[in-house]
Amino acid sequence: MRVIVVRSGGVAGMVLTVEVDAGELDADATAQLTGLVDACEFPDAEPAATKGLADAFAYELAVEGDDGTLRRARFDQGAAPRGADSLVTWVLDGPHGHRRLGRT
């Protein structure tokens, strides 16, 4: 399983991409990641954009399963589907991911 989070926007307009491959993790980290992915909703329709959040972040979340399945969610800061905030935080703030930083 691979989890990819892309965070864009904010004051500086930077794009941060972090990818975590479960095959590179130890057993504890793999269990944590799997639990977070299992608790995350991937709605069929994207939620409505939030209003009034100047310089807010936008997120793209993708989970590629070992069986080739792909689940995606796109959402604005403050409008994450159930479970997505925890998964995104784990990926972005943890030491496990491969990071790329760029500009929009």
PDB file of N, CA and C in Angstrom:
ATOM      1  N   MET A   1       0.848  -1.171   0.000  1.00  0.00           N
ATOM      2  CA  MET A   1       0.000   0.000   0.000  1.00  0.00           C
ATOM      3  C   MET A   1       0.894   1.235   0.000  1.00  0.00           C
ATOM      4  N   ARG A   2       0.481   2.218  -0.791  1.00  0.00           N
ATOM      5  CA  ARG A   2       1.140   3.525  -0.785  1.00  0.00           C
ATOM      6  C   ARG A   2       0.103   4.583  -0.490  1.00  0.00           C
ATOM      7  N   VAL A   3       0.496   5.572   0.332  1.00  0.00           N
ATOM      8  CA  VAL A   3      -0.365   6.700   0.635  1.00  0.00           C
ATOM      9  C   VAL A   3       0.372   7.960   0.195  1.00  0.00           C
ATOM     10  N   ILE A   4      -0.320   8.787  -0.578  1.00  0.00           N
ATOM     11  CA  ILE A   4       0.262  10.026  -1.080  1.00  0.00           C
ATOM     12  C   ILE A   4      -0.630  11.177  -0.645  1.00  0.00           C
ATOM     13  N   VAL A   5      -0.015  12.186  -0.015  1.00  0.00           N
ATOM     14  CA  VAL A   5      -0.720  13.390   0.389  1.00  0.00           C
ATOM     15  C   VAL A   5      -0.062  14.570  -0.311  1.00  0.00           C
ATOM     16  N   VAL A   6      -0.886  15.400  -0.957  1.00  0.00           N
ATOM     17  CA  VAL A   6      -0.416  16.633  -1.562  1.00  0.00           C
ATOM     18  C   VAL A   6      -1.136  17.774  -0.857  1.00  0.00           C
ATOM     19  N   ARG A   7      -0.348  18.664  -0.254  1.00  0.00           N
ATOM     20  CA  ARG A   7      -0.919  19.846   0.407  1.00  0.00           C
ATOM     21  C   ARG A   7      -0.459  21.066  -0.379  1.00  0.00           C
ATOM     22  N   SER A   8      -1.410  21.868  -0.814  1.00  0.00           N
ATOM     23  CA  SER A   8      -1.074  23.068  -1.579  1.00  0.00           C
ATOM     24  C   SER A   8      -1.756  24.276  -0.965  1.00  0.00           C
ATOM     25  N   GLY A   9      -1.278  25.448  -1.364  1.00  0.00           N
ATOM     26  CA  GLY A   9      -1.868  26.693  -0.892  1.00  0.00           C
ATOM     27  C   GLY A   9      -1.120  27.270   0.276  1.00  0.00           C
ATOM     28  N   GLY A  10      -1.862  27.866   1.182  1.00  0.00           N
ATOM     29  CA  GLY A  10      -1.236  28.545   2.298  1.00  0.00           C
ATOM     30  C   GLY A  10      -0.698  29.899   1.871  1.00  0.00           C
ATOM     31  N   VAL A  11      -0.097  30.595   2.780  1.00  0.00           N
ATOM     32  CA  VAL A  11       0.411  31.944   2.527  1.00  0.00           C
ATOM     33  C   VAL A  11       1.477  31.938   1.430  1.00  0.00           C
ATOM     34  N   ALA A  12       2.381  30.971   1.456  1.00  0.00           N
ATOM     35  CA  ALA A  12       3.495  30.947   0.509  1.00  0.00           C
ATOM     36  C   ALA A  12       3.152  30.274  -0.814  1.00  0.00           C
ATOM     37  N   GLY A  13       2.010  29.617  -0.897  1.00  0.00           N
ATOM     38  CA  GLY A  13       1.626  28.942  -2.131  1.00  0.00           C
ATOM     39  C   GLY A  13       2.498  27.752  -2.473  1.00  0.00           C
ATOM     40  N   MET A  14       3.041  27.111  -1.471  1.00  0.00           N
ATOM     41  CA  MET A  14       3.915  25.960  -1.692  1.00  0.00           C
ATOM     42  C   MET A  14       3.084  24.678  -1.847  1.00  0.00           C
ATOM     43  N   VAL A  15       3.679  23.706  -2.552  1.00  0.00           N
ATOM     44  CA  VAL A  15       3.066  22.392  -2.712  1.00  0.00           C
ATOM     45  C   VAL A  15       3.993  21.375  -2.057  1.00  0.00           C
ATOM     46  N   LEU A  16       3.464  20.685  -1.052  1.00  0.00           N
ATOM     47  CA  LEU A  16       4.205  19.639  -0.358  1.00  0.00           C
ATOM     48  C   LEU A  16       3.578  18.299  -0.715  1.00  0.00           C
ATOM     49  N   THR A  17       4.395  17.391  -1.239  1.00  0.00           N
ATOM     50  CA  THR A  17       3.945  16.039  -1.550  1.00  0.00           C
ATOM     51  C   THR A  17       4.715  15.076  -0.660  1.00  0.00           C
ATOM     52  N   VAL A  18       3.985  14.232   0.054  1.00  0.00           N
ATOM     53  CA  VAL A  18       4.607  13.235   0.921  1.00  0.00           C
ATOM     54  C   VAL A  18       4.026  11.882   0.552  1.00  0.00           C
ATOM     55  N   GLU A  19       4.915  10.928   0.313  1.00  0.00           N
ATOM     56  CA  GLU A  19       4.509   9.582  -0.049  1.00  0.00           C
ATOM     57  C   GLU A  19       5.054   8.600   0.974  1.00  0.00           C
ATOM     58  N   VAL A  20       4.181   7.715   1.446  1.00  0.00           N
ATOM     59  CA  VAL A  20       4.573   6.667   2.391  1.00  0.00           C
ATOM     60  C   VAL A  20       4.253   5.328   1.749  1.00  0.00           C
ATOM     61  N   ASP A  21       5.252   4.464   1.705  1.00  0.00           N
ATOM     62  CA  ASP A  21       5.093   3.118   1.163  1.00  0.00           C
ATOM     63  C   ASP A  21       5.120   2.146   2.339  1.00  0.00           C
ATOM     64  N   ALA A  22       4.033   1.422   2.544  1.00  0.00           N
ATOM     65  CA  ALA A  22       3.940   0.507   3.680  1.00  0.00           C
ATOM     66  C   ALA A  22       5.018  -0.570   3.629  1.00  0.00           C
ATOM     67  N   GLY A  23       5.509  -0.885   2.456  1.00  0.00           N
ATOM     68  CA  GLY A  23       6.559  -1.882   2.321  1.00  0.00           C
ATOM     69  C   GLY A  23       7.883  -1.451   2.917  1.00  0.00           C
ATOM     70  N   GLU A  24       8.029  -0.160   3.205  1.00  0.00           N
ATOM     71  CA  GLU A  24       9.259   0.369   3.790  1.00  0.00           C
ATOM     72  C   GLU A  24       9.143   0.589   5.301  1.00  0.00           C
ATOM     73  N   LEU A  25       8.001   0.232   5.880  1.00  0.00           N
ATOM     74  CA  LEU A  25       7.742   0.518   7.290  1.00  0.00           C
ATOM     75  C   LEU A  25       7.964  -0.715   8.158  1.00  0.00           C
ATOM     76  N   ASP A  26       8.207  -0.464   9.450  1.00  0.00           N
ATOM     77  CA  ASP A  26       8.254  -1.579  10.394  1.00  0.00           C
ATOM     78  C   ASP A  26       6.817  -2.005  10.716  1.00  0.00           C
ATOM     79  N   ALA A  27       6.679  -3.084  11.467  1.00  0.00           N
ATOM     80  CA  ALA A  27       5.349  -3.654  11.737  1.00  0.00           C
ATOM     81  C   ALA A  27       4.435  -2.679  12.471  1.00  0.00           C
ATOM     82  N   ASP A  28       4.965  -1.949  13.459  1.00  0.00           N
ATOM     83  CA  ASP A  28       4.131  -1.003  14.210  1.00  0.00           C
ATOM     84  C   ASP A  28       3.623   0.125  13.320  1.00  0.00           C
ATOM     85  N   ALA A  29       4.512   0.707  12.518  1.00  0.00           N
ATOM     86  CA  ALA A  29       4.113   1.802  11.632  1.00  0.00           C
ATOM     87  C   ALA A  29       3.134   1.315  10.571  1.00  0.00           C
ATOM     88  N   THR A  30       3.340   0.105  10.058  1.00  0.00           N
ATOM     89  CA  THR A  30       2.410  -0.460   9.077  1.00  0.00           C
ATOM     90  C   THR A  30       1.028  -0.632   9.685  1.00  0.00           C
ATOM     91  N   ALA A  31       0.966  -1.112  10.919  1.00  0.00           N
ATOM     92  CA  ALA A  31      -0.321  -1.281  11.600  1.00  0.00           C
ATOM     93  C   ALA A  31      -1.005   0.064  11.825  1.00  0.00           C
ATOM     94  N   GLN A  32      -0.235   1.078  12.216  1.00  0.00           N
ATOM     95  CA  GLN A  32      -0.803   2.411  12.409  1.00  0.00           C
ATOM     96  C   GLN A  32      -1.372   2.941  11.095  1.00  0.00           C
ATOM     97  N   LEU A  33      -0.576   2.838  10.033  1.00  0.00           N
ATOM     98  CA  LEU A  33      -1.016   3.340   8.736  1.00  0.00           C
ATOM     99  C   LEU A  33      -2.258   2.600   8.252  1.00  0.00           C
ATOM    100  N   THR A  34      -2.264   1.294   8.356  1.00  0.00           N
ATOM    101  CA  THR A  34      -3.412   0.500   7.920  1.00  0.00           C
ATOM    102  C   THR A  34      -4.665   0.882   8.696  1.00  0.00           C
ATOM    103  N   GLY A  35      -4.541   1.056  10.005  1.00  0.00           N
ATOM    104  CA  GLY A  35      -5.684   1.465  10.820  1.00  0.00           C
ATOM    105  C   GLY A  35      -6.233   2.824  10.417  1.00  0.00           C
ATOM    106  N   LEU A  36      -5.342   3.761  10.136  1.00  0.00           N
ATOM    107  CA  LEU A  36      -5.773   5.102   9.719  1.00  0.00           C
ATOM    108  C   LEU A  36      -6.453   5.066   8.354  1.00  0.00           C
ATOM    109  N   VAL A  37      -5.915   4.287   7.434  1.00  0.00           N
ATOM    110  CA  VAL A  37      -6.531   4.164   6.114  1.00  0.00           C
ATOM    111  C   VAL A  37      -7.903   3.511   6.236  1.00  0.00           C
ATOM    112  N   ASP A  38      -8.014   2.456   7.041  1.00  0.00           N
ATOM    113  CA  ASP A  38      -9.294   1.771   7.225  1.00  0.00           C
ATOM    114  C   ASP A  38     -10.357   2.679   7.836  1.00  0.00           C
ATOM    115  N   ALA A  39      -9.939   3.647   8.661  1.00  0.00           N
ATOM    116  CA  ALA A  39     -10.885   4.554   9.319  1.00  0.00           C
ATOM    117  C   ALA A  39     -11.255   5.750   8.448  1.00  0.00           C
ATOM    118  N   CYS A  40     -10.638   5.879   7.295  1.00  0.00           N
ATOM    119  CA  CYS A  40     -10.838   7.052   6.442  1.00  0.00           C
ATOM    120  C   CYS A  40     -11.953   6.811   5.430  1.00  0.00           C
ATOM    121  N   GLU A  41     -12.820   7.790   5.281  1.00  0.00           N
ATOM    122  CA  GLU A  41     -13.868   7.739   4.268  1.00  0.00           C
ATOM    123  C   GLU A  41     -13.339   8.327   2.967  1.00  0.00           C
ATOM    124  N   PHE A  42     -13.740   7.727   1.864  1.00  0.00           N
ATOM    125  CA  PHE A  42     -13.419   8.245   0.545  1.00  0.00           C
ATOM    126  C   PHE A  42     -14.737   8.443  -0.189  1.00  0.00           C
ATOM    127  N   PRO A  43     -15.351   9.618  -0.011  1.00  0.00           N
ATOM    128  CA  PRO A  43     -16.682   9.848  -0.578  1.00  0.00           C
ATOM    129  C   PRO A  43     -16.653   9.849  -2.111  1.00  0.00           C
ATOM    130  N   ASP A  44     -17.791   9.464  -2.706  1.00  0.00           N
ATOM    131  CA  ASP A  44     -17.908   9.467  -4.163  1.00  0.00           C
ATOM    132  C   ASP A  44     -17.843  10.880  -4.728  1.00  0.00           C
ATOM    133  N   ALA A  45     -18.427  11.815  -4.021  1.00  0.00           N
ATOM    134  CA  ALA A  45     -18.422  13.212  -4.469  1.00  0.00           C
ATOM    135  C   ALA A  45     -17.510  14.026  -3.561  1.00  0.00           C
ATOM    136  N   GLU A  46     -16.869  15.022  -4.153  1.00  0.00           N
ATOM    137  CA  GLU A  46     -16.014  15.897  -3.355  1.00  0.00           C
ATOM    138  C   GLU A  46     -16.889  16.815  -2.509  1.00  0.00           C
ATOM    139  N   PRO A  47     -16.484  17.079  -1.257  1.00  0.00           N
ATOM    140  CA  PRO A  47     -17.265  17.985  -0.429  1.00  0.00           C
ATOM    141  C   PRO A  47     -17.201  19.403  -0.971  1.00  0.00           C
ATOM    142  N   ALA A  48     -18.190  20.172  -0.638  1.00  0.00           N
ATOM    143  CA  ALA A  48     -18.217  21.569  -1.070  1.00  0.00           C
ATOM    144  C   ALA A  48     -17.028  22.314  -0.480  1.00  0.00           C
ATOM    145  N   ALA A  49     -16.499  23.228  -1.246  1.00  0.00           N
ATOM    146  CA  ALA A  49     -15.368  24.031  -0.780  1.00  0.00           C
ATOM    147  C   ALA A  49     -15.803  24.909   0.386  1.00  0.00           C
ATOM    148  N   THR A  50     -14.892  25.101   1.312  1.00  0.00           N
ATOM    149  CA  THR A  50     -15.196  25.986   2.424  1.00  0.00           C
ATOM    150  C   THR A  50     -14.990  27.425   1.977  1.00  0.00           C
ATOM    151  N   LYS A  51     -15.679  28.324   2.639  1.00  0.00           N
ATOM    152  CA  LYS A  51     -15.579  29.743   2.284  1.00  0.00           C
ATOM    153  C   LYS A  51     -14.989  30.516   3.450  1.00  0.00           C
ATOM    154  N   GLY A  52     -14.298  31.582   3.125  1.00  0.00           N
ATOM    155  CA  GLY A  52     -13.820  32.487   4.160  1.00  0.00           C
ATOM    156  C   GLY A  52     -12.496  32.099   4.786  1.00  0.00           C
ATOM    157  N   LEU A  53     -11.796  31.127   4.232  1.00  0.00           N
ATOM    158  CA  LEU A  53     -10.499  30.738   4.779  1.00  0.00           C
ATOM    159  C   LEU A  53      -9.395  31.263   3.866  1.00  0.00           C
ATOM    160  N   ALA A  54      -8.977  32.479   4.113  1.00  0.00           N
ATOM    161  CA  ALA A  54      -7.900  33.063   3.317  1.00  0.00           C
ATOM    162  C   ALA A  54      -6.617  32.273   3.548  1.00  0.00           C
ATOM    163  N   ASP A  55      -5.893  32.022   2.481  1.00  0.00           N
ATOM    164  CA  ASP A  55      -4.607  31.327   2.537  1.00  0.00           C
ATOM    165  C   ASP A  55      -4.711  29.940   3.168  1.00  0.00           C
ATOM    166  N   ALA A  56      -5.845  29.287   2.998  1.00  0.00           N
ATOM    167  CA  ALA A  56      -6.029  27.944   3.552  1.00  0.00           C
ATOM    168  C   ALA A  56      -5.340  26.913   2.656  1.00  0.00           C
ATOM    169  N   PHE A  57      -5.170  25.724   3.186  1.00  0.00           N
ATOM    170  CA  PHE A  57      -4.578  24.627   2.436  1.00  0.00           C
ATOM    171  C   PHE A  57      -5.660  23.835   1.724  1.00  0.00           C
ATOM    172  N   ALA A  58      -5.282  23.244   0.605  1.00  0.00           N
ATOM    173  CA  ALA A  58      -6.103  22.262  -0.100  1.00  0.00           C
ATOM    174  C   ALA A  58      -5.326  20.951  -0.065  1.00  0.00           C
ATOM    175  N   TYR A  59      -6.042  19.839   0.011  1.00  0.00           N
ATOM    176  CA  TYR A  59      -5.409  18.527   0.148  1.00  0.00           C
ATOM    177  C   TYR A  59      -5.899  17.576  -0.924  1.00  0.00           C
ATOM    178  N   GLU A  60      -4.991  16.733  -1.380  1.00  0.00           N
ATOM    179  CA  GLU A  60      -5.321  15.590  -2.216  1.00  0.00           C
ATOM    180  C   GLU A  60      -4.742  14.375  -1.500  1.00  0.00           C
ATOM    181  N   LEU A  61      -5.562  13.384  -1.301  1.00  0.00           N
ATOM    182  CA  LEU A  61      -5.174  12.165  -0.605  1.00  0.00           C
ATOM    183  C   LEU A  61      -5.426  10.991  -1.545  1.00  0.00           C
ATOM    184  N   ALA A  62      -4.410  10.163  -1.734  1.00  0.00           N
ATOM    185  CA  ALA A  62      -4.558   8.979  -2.582  1.00  0.00           C
ATOM    186  C   ALA A  62      -3.993   7.775  -1.845  1.00  0.00           C
ATOM    187  N   VAL A  63      -4.725   6.663  -1.905  1.00  0.00           N
ATOM    188  CA  VAL A  63      -4.272   5.405  -1.315  1.00  0.00           C
ATOM    189  C   VAL A  63      -4.293   4.363  -2.419  1.00  0.00           C
ATOM    190  N   GLU A  64      -3.116   3.836  -2.721  1.00  0.00           N
ATOM    191  CA  GLU A  64      -2.976   2.784  -3.717  1.00  0.00           C
ATOM    192  C   GLU A  64      -2.807   1.466  -2.985  1.00  0.00           C
ATOM    193  N   GLY A  65      -3.775   0.569  -3.150  1.00  0.00           N
ATOM    194  CA  GLY A  65      -3.727  -0.727  -2.487  1.00  0.00           C
ATOM    195  C   GLY A  65      -2.769  -1.683  -3.184  1.00  0.00           C
ATOM    196  N   ASP A  66      -2.341  -2.696  -2.465  1.00  0.00           N
ATOM    197  CA  ASP A  66      -1.464  -3.712  -3.036  1.00  0.00           C
ATOM    198  C   ASP A  66      -2.136  -4.465  -4.176  1.00  0.00           C
ATOM    199  N   ASP A  67      -3.467  -4.443  -4.200  1.00  0.00           N
ATOM    200  CA  ASP A  67      -4.222  -5.137  -5.249  1.00  0.00           C
ATOM    201  C   ASP A  67      -4.508  -4.242  -6.453  1.00  0.00           C
ATOM    202  N   GLY A  68      -3.937  -3.017  -6.464  1.00  0.00           N
ATOM    203  CA  GLY A  68      -4.119  -2.106  -7.587  1.00  0.00           C
ATOM    204  C   GLY A  68      -5.272  -1.138  -7.433  1.00  0.00           C
ATOM    205  N   THR A  69      -6.046  -1.251  -6.352  1.00  0.00           N
ATOM    206  CA  THR A  69      -7.150  -0.318  -6.150  1.00  0.00           C
ATOM    207  C   THR A  69      -6.599   1.070  -5.840  1.00  0.00           C
ATOM    208  N   LEU A  70      -7.364   2.079  -6.193  1.00  0.00           N
ATOM    209  CA  LEU A  70      -6.979   3.462  -5.931  1.00  0.00           C
ATOM    210  C   LEU A  70      -8.174   4.188  -5.341  1.00  0.00           C
ATOM    211  N   ARG A  71      -7.975   4.759  -4.172  1.00  0.00           N
ATOM    212  CA  ARG A  71      -9.015   5.567  -3.535  1.00  0.00           C
ATOM    213  C   ARG A  71      -8.470   6.976  -3.383  1.00  0.00           C
ATOM    214  N   ARG A  72      -9.314   7.971  -3.670  1.00  0.00           N
ATOM    215  CA  ARG A  72      -8.875   9.369  -3.622  1.00  0.00           C
ATOM    216  C   ARG A  72      -9.894  10.229  -2.889  1.00  0.00           C
ATOM    217  N   ALA A  73      -9.370  11.288  -2.311  1.00  0.00           N
ATOM    218  CA  ALA A  73     -10.228  12.316  -1.716  1.00  0.00           C
ATOM    219  C   ALA A  73      -9.531  13.658  -1.910  1.00  0.00           C
ATOM    220  N   ARG A  74     -10.291  14.659  -2.254  1.00  0.00           N
ATOM    221  CA  ARG A  74      -9.802  16.040  -2.342  1.00  0.00           C
ATOM    222  C   ARG A  74     -10.683  16.874  -1.435  1.00  0.00           C
ATOM    223  N   PHE A  75     -10.028  17.750  -0.673  1.00  0.00           N
ATOM    224  CA  PHE A  75     -10.794  18.561   0.255  1.00  0.00           C
ATOM    225  C   PHE A  75      -9.987  19.782   0.666  1.00  0.00           C
ATOM    226  N   ASP A  76     -10.712  20.776   1.123  1.00  0.00           N
ATOM    227  CA  ASP A  76     -10.103  21.994   1.631  1.00  0.00           C
ATOM    228  C   ASP A  76      -9.910  21.888   3.140  1.00  0.00           C
ATOM    229  N   GLN A  77      -9.025  22.697   3.647  1.00  0.00           N
ATOM    230  CA  GLN A  77      -8.790  22.759   5.088  1.00  0.00           C
ATOM    231  C   GLN A  77     -10.114  22.990   5.799  1.00  0.00           C
ATOM    232  N   GLY A  78     -10.382  22.176   6.790  1.00  0.00           N
ATOM    233  CA  GLY A  78     -11.617  22.299   7.552  1.00  0.00           C
ATOM    234  C   GLY A  78     -12.788  21.520   6.973  1.00  0.00           C
ATOM    235  N   ALA A  79     -12.571  20.813   5.854  1.00  0.00           N
ATOM    236  CA  ALA A  79     -13.675  20.082   5.225  1.00  0.00           C
ATOM    237  C   ALA A  79     -13.279  18.642   4.896  1.00  0.00           C
ATOM    238  N   ALA A  80     -12.421  18.049   5.700  1.00  0.00           N
ATOM    239  CA  ALA A  80     -11.936  16.694   5.440  1.00  0.00           C
ATOM    240  C   ALA A  80     -13.032  15.664   5.691  1.00  0.00           C
ATOM    241  N   PRO A  81     -13.057  14.611   4.860  1.00  0.00           N
ATOM    242  CA  PRO A  81     -13.978  13.509   5.156  1.00  0.00           C
ATOM    243  C   PRO A  81     -13.553  12.807   6.446  1.00  0.00           C
ATOM    244  N   ARG A  82     -14.470  12.029   7.012  1.00  0.00           N
ATOM    245  CA  ARG A  82     -14.203  11.343   8.275  1.00  0.00           C
ATOM    246  C   ARG A  82     -12.906  10.544   8.185  1.00  0.00           C
ATOM    247  N   GLY A  83     -12.041  10.743   9.153  1.00  0.00           N
ATOM    248  CA  GLY A  83     -10.794  10.009   9.261  1.00  0.00           C
ATOM    249  C   GLY A  83      -9.632  10.576   8.472  1.00  0.00           C
ATOM    250  N   ALA A  84      -9.906  11.446   7.507  1.00  0.00           N
ATOM    251  CA  ALA A  84      -8.838  11.962   6.646  1.00  0.00           C
ATOM    252  C   ALA A  84      -7.862  12.855   7.395  1.00  0.00           C
ATOM    253  N   ASP A  85      -8.351  13.660   8.333  1.00  0.00           N
ATOM    254  CA  ASP A  85      -7.449  14.542   9.088  1.00  0.00           C
ATOM    255  C   ASP A  85      -6.359  13.744   9.801  1.00  0.00           C
ATOM    256  N   SER A  86      -6.740  12.670  10.447  1.00  0.00           N
ATOM    257  CA  SER A  86      -5.765  11.861  11.187  1.00  0.00           C
ATOM    258  C   SER A  86      -4.760  11.209  10.255  1.00  0.00           C
ATOM    259  N   LEU A  87      -5.231  10.692   9.128  1.00  0.00           N
ATOM    260  CA  LEU A  87      -4.341  10.061   8.161  1.00  0.00           C
ATOM    261  C   LEU A  87      -3.379  11.080   7.562  1.00  0.00           C
ATOM    262  N   VAL A  88      -3.901  12.229   7.158  1.00  0.00           N
ATOM    263  CA  VAL A  88      -3.059  13.279   6.572  1.00  0.00           C
ATOM    264  C   VAL A  88      -2.014  13.759   7.576  1.00  0.00           C
ATOM    265  N   THR A  89      -2.417  13.965   8.818  1.00  0.00           N
ATOM    266  CA  THR A  89      -1.474  14.399   9.846  1.00  0.00           C
ATOM    267  C   THR A  89      -0.379  13.372  10.056  1.00  0.00           C
ATOM    268  N   TRP A  90      -0.732  12.091  10.105  1.00  0.00           N
ATOM    269  CA  TRP A  90       0.253  11.027  10.300  1.00  0.00           C
ATOM    270  C   TRP A  90       1.262  11.016   9.160  1.00  0.00           C
ATOM    271  N   VAL A  91       0.776  11.157   7.943  1.00  0.00           N
ATOM    272  CA  VAL A  91       1.665  11.134   6.773  1.00  0.00           C
ATOM    273  C   VAL A  91       2.543  12.385   6.738  1.00  0.00           C
ATOM    274  N   LEU A  92       1.939  13.567   6.899  1.00  0.00           N
ATOM    275  CA  LEU A  92       2.704  14.808   6.777  1.00  0.00           C
ATOM    276  C   LEU A  92       3.682  15.030   7.922  1.00  0.00           C
ATOM    277  N   ASP A  93       3.293  14.683   9.131  1.00  0.00           N
ATOM    278  CA  ASP A  93       4.117  14.995  10.302  1.00  0.00           C
ATOM    279  C   ASP A  93       5.048  13.865  10.725  1.00  0.00           C
ATOM    280  N   GLY A  94       4.841  12.683  10.191  1.00  0.00           N
ATOM    281  CA  GLY A  94       5.642  11.534  10.604  1.00  0.00           C
ATOM    282  C   GLY A  94       6.981  11.471   9.889  1.00  0.00           C
ATOM    283  N   PRO A  95       7.845  10.613  10.375  1.00  0.00           N
ATOM    284  CA  PRO A  95       9.186  10.491   9.807  1.00  0.00           C
ATOM    285  C   PRO A  95       9.282   9.489   8.652  1.00  0.00           C
ATOM    286  N   HIS A  96       8.164   8.930   8.229  1.00  0.00           N
ATOM    287  CA  HIS A  96       8.192   7.795   7.313  1.00  0.00           C
ATOM    288  C   HIS A  96       8.154   8.170   5.838  1.00  0.00           C
ATOM    289  N   GLY A  97       7.763   9.385   5.528  1.00  0.00           N
ATOM    290  CA  GLY A  97       7.477   9.725   4.144  1.00  0.00           C
ATOM    291  C   GLY A  97       8.647  10.262   3.346  1.00  0.00           C
ATOM    292  N   HIS A  98       8.510  10.128   2.041  1.00  0.00           N
ATOM    293  CA  HIS A  98       9.421  10.752   1.090  1.00  0.00           C
ATOM    294  C   HIS A  98       8.789  12.080   0.710  1.00  0.00           C
ATOM    295  N   ARG A  99       9.515  13.186   0.900  1.00  0.00           N
ATOM    296  CA  ARG A  99       8.962  14.530   0.737  1.00  0.00           C
ATOM    297  C   ARG A  99       9.507  15.226  -0.502  1.00  0.00           C
ATOM    298  N   ARG A 100       8.592  15.966  -1.158  1.00  0.00           N
ATOM    299  CA  ARG A 100       8.975  16.853  -2.260  1.00  0.00           C
ATOM    300  C   ARG A 100       8.281  18.175  -2.026  1.00  0.00           C
ATOM    301  N   LEU A 101       9.000  19.260  -2.196  1.00  0.00           N
ATOM    302  CA  LEU A 101       8.464  20.596  -1.988  1.00  0.00           C
ATOM    303  C   LEU A 101       8.624  21.379  -3.273  1.00  0.00           C
ATOM    304  N   GLY A 102       7.557  22.092  -3.648  1.00  0.00           N
ATOM    305  CA  GLY A 102       7.594  22.913  -4.863  1.00  0.00           C
ATOM    306  C   GLY A 102       6.677  24.095  -4.738  1.00  0.00           C
ATOM    307  N   ARG A 103       6.460  24.769  -5.845  1.00  0.00           N
ATOM    308  CA  ARG A 103       5.568  25.926  -5.886  1.00  0.00           C
ATOM    309  C   ARG A 103       4.416  25.648  -6.836  1.00  0.00           C
ATOM    310  N   THR A 104       3.309  26.338  -6.588  1.00  0.00           N
ATOM    311  CA  THR A 104       2.150  26.194  -7.473  1.00  0.00           C
ATOM    312  C   THR A 104       2.364  26.953  -8.758  1.00  0.00           C
TER     313      THR A 104
END
